[in-house]
Amino acid sequence: MPWLWLVGAIAAEVAATVSLKFTGGFTRLLPSALVVLFYGTAFYLLSQALSRGMALGVAYGVWAASGVALLALIGALFLGEPLTWVQIGGVLLVVGGVLALEMGGQAGHA
């Protein structure tokens, strides 16, 4: 069950960060309000995952790496931002690091 809360936190964080792109430096009301709403939601949902037993390092690592990967894809696919092979390699390294963190945590409990 903590994983469902974490998935929600990731979705809310991605929505907040995409909204941030459209705030015009917090001069546009609706995108600015969405940033506050979605980030608040993301932190609430992340706290729920943690309070249900998810390890802090794993939760934050998965949350951050998923956000990086999803935002890079969204930027490239929908916002016209470049995504080079070097950047793709960087995203894969981040995701690989989180996987190593998760697998290392499981090995410690085996």
N, C-alpha and C. Protein backbone atom coordinates (compact mmCIF):
# COMPACT_ATOMS: atom_id res chain seq x y z
N MET A 1 0.80 -1.21 0.00
CA MET A 1 0.00 0.00 0.00
C MET A 1 0.85 1.28 0.00
N PRO A 2 2.01 1.32 0.67
CA PRO A 2 2.79 2.56 0.63
C PRO A 2 3.17 2.96 -0.80
N TRP A 3 3.33 1.97 -1.68
CA TRP A 3 3.72 2.27 -3.05
C TRP A 3 2.64 3.06 -3.79
N LEU A 4 1.38 2.81 -3.50
CA LEU A 4 0.30 3.58 -4.13
C LEU A 4 0.36 5.05 -3.71
N TRP A 5 0.64 5.28 -2.44
CA TRP A 5 0.80 6.65 -1.96
C TRP A 5 1.99 7.32 -2.65
N LEU A 6 3.05 6.56 -2.83
CA LEU A 6 4.24 7.11 -3.47
C LEU A 6 3.96 7.44 -4.94
N VAL A 7 3.25 6.59 -5.64
CA VAL A 7 2.90 6.87 -7.04
C VAL A 7 2.08 8.16 -7.13
N GLY A 8 1.15 8.34 -6.22
CA GLY A 8 0.38 9.58 -6.18
C GLY A 8 1.26 10.79 -5.92
N ALA A 9 2.23 10.64 -5.01
CA ALA A 9 3.16 11.73 -4.71
C ALA A 9 3.98 12.10 -5.93
N ILE A 10 4.41 11.09 -6.67
CA ILE A 10 5.20 11.33 -7.89
C ILE A 10 4.35 12.07 -8.92
N ALA A 11 3.12 11.62 -9.12
CA ALA A 11 2.24 12.28 -10.09
C ALA A 11 1.98 13.73 -9.71
N ALA A 12 1.75 13.98 -8.43
CA ALA A 12 1.49 15.35 -7.98
C ALA A 12 2.73 16.22 -8.13
N GLU A 13 3.90 15.67 -7.83
CA GLU A 13 5.14 16.44 -7.96
C GLU A 13 5.42 16.78 -9.42
N VAL A 14 5.18 15.84 -10.31
CA VAL A 14 5.37 16.09 -11.75
C VAL A 14 4.39 17.16 -12.22
N ALA A 15 3.13 17.08 -11.80
CA ALA A 15 2.13 18.09 -12.18
C ALA A 15 2.53 19.47 -11.65
N ALA A 16 3.06 19.51 -10.43
CA ALA A 16 3.50 20.79 -9.85
C ALA A 16 4.65 21.39 -10.64
N THR A 17 5.61 20.57 -11.01
CA THR A 17 6.78 21.07 -11.71
C THR A 17 6.43 21.52 -13.13
N VAL A 18 5.56 20.78 -13.79
CA VAL A 18 5.10 21.22 -15.11
C VAL A 18 4.35 22.54 -14.97
N SER A 19 3.51 22.67 -13.96
CA SER A 19 2.79 23.92 -13.72
C SER A 19 3.75 25.07 -13.47
N LEU A 20 4.84 24.78 -12.78
CA LEU A 20 5.84 25.79 -12.47
C LEU A 20 6.39 26.44 -13.74
N LYS A 21 6.50 25.65 -14.78
CA LYS A 21 6.99 26.15 -16.08
C LYS A 21 6.10 27.28 -16.61
N PHE A 22 4.84 27.28 -16.26
CA PHE A 22 3.86 28.22 -16.81
C PHE A 22 3.50 29.37 -15.86
N THR A 23 4.20 29.51 -14.75
CA THR A 23 3.85 30.56 -13.78
C THR A 23 4.33 31.94 -14.17
N GLY A 24 5.30 32.00 -15.09
CA GLY A 24 5.86 33.31 -15.43
C GLY A 24 6.51 33.96 -14.23
N GLY A 25 7.26 33.17 -13.47
CA GLY A 25 7.90 33.72 -12.26
C GLY A 25 6.88 34.04 -11.18
N PHE A 26 5.84 33.25 -11.09
CA PHE A 26 4.73 33.41 -10.15
C PHE A 26 3.96 34.71 -10.39
N THR A 27 3.87 35.13 -11.65
CA THR A 27 3.06 36.29 -12.00
C THR A 27 1.70 35.89 -12.57
N ARG A 28 1.51 34.61 -12.87
CA ARG A 28 0.24 34.12 -13.41
C ARG A 28 -0.47 33.31 -12.33
N LEU A 29 -1.68 33.71 -11.99
CA LEU A 29 -2.37 33.18 -10.82
C LEU A 29 -2.68 31.69 -10.89
N LEU A 30 -3.32 31.23 -11.96
CA LEU A 30 -3.76 29.83 -12.01
C LEU A 30 -2.59 28.85 -11.97
N PRO A 31 -1.58 28.99 -12.82
CA PRO A 31 -0.46 28.05 -12.71
C PRO A 31 0.24 28.13 -11.35
N SER A 32 0.32 29.33 -10.78
CA SER A 32 0.96 29.49 -9.47
C SER A 32 0.16 28.78 -8.39
N ALA A 33 -1.16 28.89 -8.44
CA ALA A 33 -2.01 28.19 -7.47
C ALA A 33 -1.88 26.68 -7.64
N LEU A 34 -1.78 26.21 -8.89
CA LEU A 34 -1.62 24.78 -9.13
C LEU A 34 -0.29 24.27 -8.57
N VAL A 35 0.75 25.08 -8.68
CA VAL A 35 2.05 24.69 -8.11
C VAL A 35 1.91 24.44 -6.62
N VAL A 36 1.32 25.38 -5.92
CA VAL A 36 1.16 25.25 -4.47
C VAL A 36 0.28 24.05 -4.13
N LEU A 37 -0.82 23.89 -4.84
CA LEU A 37 -1.73 22.76 -4.59
C LEU A 37 -1.05 21.42 -4.84
N PHE A 38 -0.40 21.30 -6.00
CA PHE A 38 0.21 20.01 -6.34
C PHE A 38 1.42 19.69 -5.47
N TYR A 39 2.26 20.68 -5.15
CA TYR A 39 3.40 20.39 -4.25
C TYR A 39 2.90 20.03 -2.86
N GLY A 40 1.88 20.72 -2.38
CA GLY A 40 1.31 20.36 -1.07
C GLY A 40 0.79 18.94 -1.08
N THR A 41 0.10 18.58 -2.15
CA THR A 41 -0.42 17.23 -2.30
C THR A 41 0.72 16.22 -2.36
N ALA A 42 1.76 16.54 -3.12
CA ALA A 42 2.90 15.62 -3.26
C ALA A 42 3.53 15.33 -1.90
N PHE A 43 3.76 16.37 -1.10
CA PHE A 43 4.39 16.16 0.19
C PHE A 43 3.46 15.42 1.16
N TYR A 44 2.17 15.70 1.09
CA TYR A 44 1.23 14.96 1.92
C TYR A 44 1.26 13.47 1.56
N LEU A 45 1.18 13.17 0.26
CA LEU A 45 1.16 11.76 -0.16
C LEU A 45 2.48 11.07 0.15
N LEU A 46 3.60 11.78 -0.02
CA LEU A 46 4.90 11.21 0.35
C LEU A 46 4.94 10.90 1.85
N SER A 47 4.39 11.80 2.67
CA SER A 47 4.37 11.55 4.12
C SER A 47 3.51 10.33 4.46
N GLN A 48 2.44 10.11 3.68
CA GLN A 48 1.60 8.94 3.91
C GLN A 48 2.35 7.65 3.57
N ALA A 49 3.13 7.67 2.49
CA ALA A 49 3.93 6.49 2.15
C ALA A 49 4.93 6.20 3.27
N LEU A 50 5.55 7.26 3.79
CA LEU A 50 6.53 7.07 4.87
C LEU A 50 5.87 6.58 6.16
N SER A 51 4.70 7.12 6.47
CA SER A 51 4.03 6.72 7.71
C SER A 51 3.49 5.29 7.64
N ARG A 52 3.43 4.74 6.45
CA ARG A 52 2.97 3.36 6.26
C ARG A 52 4.13 2.39 6.10
N GLY A 53 5.33 2.83 6.47
CA GLY A 53 6.45 1.92 6.58
C GLY A 53 7.48 1.96 5.48
N MET A 54 7.32 2.80 4.47
CA MET A 54 8.32 2.87 3.41
C MET A 54 9.58 3.54 3.95
N ALA A 55 10.73 2.99 3.63
CA ALA A 55 12.00 3.55 4.07
C ALA A 55 12.22 4.92 3.42
N LEU A 56 12.73 5.85 4.19
CA LEU A 56 12.92 7.22 3.72
C LEU A 56 13.81 7.30 2.48
N GLY A 57 14.95 6.63 2.52
CA GLY A 57 15.88 6.69 1.39
C GLY A 57 15.29 6.12 0.12
N VAL A 58 14.57 5.04 0.25
CA VAL A 58 13.93 4.42 -0.91
C VAL A 58 12.81 5.32 -1.43
N ALA A 59 11.96 5.80 -0.53
CA ALA A 59 10.83 6.64 -0.95
C ALA A 59 11.32 7.89 -1.66
N TYR A 60 12.27 8.58 -1.06
CA TYR A 60 12.74 9.82 -1.66
C TYR A 60 13.50 9.55 -2.95
N GLY A 61 14.28 8.49 -2.97
CA GLY A 61 15.03 8.15 -4.17
C GLY A 61 14.12 7.83 -5.34
N VAL A 62 13.11 7.01 -5.11
CA VAL A 62 12.16 6.65 -6.17
C VAL A 62 11.38 7.89 -6.59
N TRP A 63 10.96 8.69 -5.63
CA TRP A 63 10.19 9.91 -5.91
C TRP A 63 11.01 10.86 -6.78
N ALA A 64 12.24 11.10 -6.37
CA ALA A 64 13.09 12.05 -7.11
C ALA A 64 13.47 11.52 -8.49
N ALA A 65 13.91 10.27 -8.56
CA ALA A 65 14.33 9.70 -9.85
C ALA A 65 13.17 9.60 -10.82
N SER A 66 12.01 9.21 -10.34
CA SER A 66 10.84 9.13 -11.20
C SER A 66 10.47 10.51 -11.72
N GLY A 67 10.54 11.50 -10.84
CA GLY A 67 10.24 12.86 -11.25
C GLY A 67 11.21 13.35 -12.32
N VAL A 68 12.49 13.09 -12.13
CA VAL A 68 13.50 13.50 -13.12
C VAL A 68 13.21 12.85 -14.46
N ALA A 69 12.99 11.55 -14.45
CA ALA A 69 12.76 10.82 -15.70
C ALA A 69 11.48 11.28 -16.39
N LEU A 70 10.40 11.38 -15.64
CA LEU A 70 9.13 11.78 -16.23
C LEU A 70 9.17 13.21 -16.76
N LEU A 71 9.80 14.11 -16.01
CA LEU A 71 9.86 15.49 -16.46
C LEU A 71 10.75 15.66 -17.68
N ALA A 72 11.81 14.88 -17.77
CA ALA A 72 12.65 14.93 -18.98
C ALA A 72 11.84 14.48 -20.19
N LEU A 73 11.06 13.42 -20.03
CA LEU A 73 10.22 12.93 -21.13
C LEU A 73 9.12 13.93 -21.50
N ILE A 74 8.45 14.46 -20.49
CA ILE A 74 7.38 15.44 -20.74
C ILE A 74 7.95 16.67 -21.44
N GLY A 75 9.10 17.13 -20.95
CA GLY A 75 9.73 18.30 -21.58
C GLY A 75 10.04 18.05 -23.04
N ALA A 76 10.57 16.87 -23.34
CA ALA A 76 10.94 16.55 -24.72
C ALA A 76 9.72 16.31 -25.60
N LEU A 77 8.72 15.61 -25.07
CA LEU A 77 7.57 15.23 -25.89
C LEU A 77 6.53 16.34 -26.06
N PHE A 78 6.36 17.17 -25.02
CA PHE A 78 5.26 18.12 -25.04
C PHE A 78 5.66 19.59 -24.95
N LEU A 79 6.88 19.86 -24.48
CA LEU A 79 7.27 21.25 -24.26
C LEU A 79 8.38 21.71 -25.19
N GLY A 80 8.76 20.87 -26.13
CA GLY A 80 9.77 21.25 -27.11
C GLY A 80 11.17 21.41 -26.54
N GLU A 81 11.45 20.78 -25.42
CA GLU A 81 12.77 20.88 -24.82
C GLU A 81 13.67 19.78 -25.38
N PRO A 82 14.95 20.08 -25.54
CA PRO A 82 15.86 19.06 -26.09
C PRO A 82 16.11 17.94 -25.08
N LEU A 83 16.36 16.77 -25.61
CA LEU A 83 16.75 15.63 -24.78
C LEU A 83 17.85 14.90 -25.54
N THR A 84 19.08 15.15 -25.12
CA THR A 84 20.23 14.58 -25.81
C THR A 84 20.53 13.19 -25.26
N TRP A 85 21.39 12.47 -25.98
CA TRP A 85 21.80 11.14 -25.53
C TRP A 85 22.53 11.23 -24.20
N VAL A 86 23.29 12.29 -23.98
CA VAL A 86 23.98 12.47 -22.70
C VAL A 86 22.96 12.63 -21.58
N GLN A 87 21.91 13.41 -21.83
CA GLN A 87 20.86 13.58 -20.82
C GLN A 87 20.13 12.27 -20.56
N ILE A 88 19.84 11.53 -21.61
CA ILE A 88 19.19 10.22 -21.44
C ILE A 88 20.08 9.32 -20.60
N GLY A 89 21.38 9.33 -20.88
CA GLY A 89 22.32 8.55 -20.06
C GLY A 89 22.29 8.98 -18.61
N GLY A 90 22.21 10.28 -18.36
CA GLY A 90 22.14 10.78 -16.99
C GLY A 90 20.89 10.30 -16.28
N VAL A 91 19.76 10.34 -16.97
CA VAL A 91 18.50 9.86 -16.38
C VAL A 91 18.62 8.37 -16.06
N LEU A 92 19.20 7.61 -16.96
CA LEU A 92 19.37 6.17 -16.71
C LEU A 92 20.29 5.92 -15.51
N LEU A 93 21.31 6.74 -15.35
CA LEU A 93 22.19 6.60 -14.19
C LEU A 93 21.44 6.90 -12.89
N VAL A 94 20.60 7.92 -12.91
CA VAL A 94 19.81 8.25 -11.72
C VAL A 94 18.88 7.10 -11.38
N VAL A 95 18.17 6.59 -12.40
CA VAL A 95 17.25 5.47 -12.17
C VAL A 95 18.02 4.23 -11.69
N GLY A 96 19.17 3.97 -12.29
CA GLY A 96 20.00 2.84 -11.85
C GLY A 96 20.45 2.99 -10.41
N GLY A 97 20.79 4.20 -10.03
CA GLY A 97 21.19 4.44 -8.63
C GLY A 97 20.06 4.17 -7.66
N VAL A 98 18.85 4.55 -8.02
CA VAL A 98 17.70 4.29 -7.16
C VAL A 98 17.42 2.80 -7.08
N LEU A 99 17.54 2.11 -8.21
CA LEU A 99 17.36 0.66 -8.19
C LEU A 99 18.39 -0.01 -7.29
N ALA A 100 19.63 0.47 -7.34
CA ALA A 100 20.67 -0.07 -6.46
C ALA A 100 20.34 0.19 -5.00
N LEU A 101 19.80 1.37 -4.71
CA LEU A 101 19.39 1.70 -3.35
C LEU A 101 18.29 0.76 -2.88
N GLU A 102 17.32 0.53 -3.73
CA GLU A 102 16.20 -0.36 -3.38
C GLU A 102 16.69 -1.80 -3.19
N MET A 103 17.50 -2.29 -4.12
CA MET A 103 17.98 -3.67 -4.01
C MET A 103 18.91 -3.83 -2.80
N GLY A 104 19.70 -2.82 -2.52
CA GLY A 104 20.57 -2.88 -1.35
C GLY A 104 19.78 -2.92 -0.06
N GLY A 105 18.66 -2.19 -0.04
CA GLY A 105 17.79 -2.20 1.15
C GLY A 105 17.13 -3.55 1.35
N GLN A 106 16.76 -4.20 0.25
CA GLN A 106 16.14 -5.52 0.36
C GLN A 106 17.15 -6.56 0.79
N ALA A 107 18.39 -6.43 0.33
CA ALA A 107 19.42 -7.39 0.72
C ALA A 107 19.72 -7.32 2.20
N GLY A 108 19.59 -6.12 2.78
CA GLY A 108 19.82 -5.95 4.21
C GLY A 108 18.75 -6.58 5.06
N HIS A 109 17.59 -6.85 4.49
CA HIS A 109 16.48 -7.44 5.25
C HIS A 109 16.30 -8.92 4.97
N ALA A 110 17.12 -9.46 4.08
CA ALA A 110 16.96 -10.85 3.70
C ALA A 110 17.49 -11.80 4.75
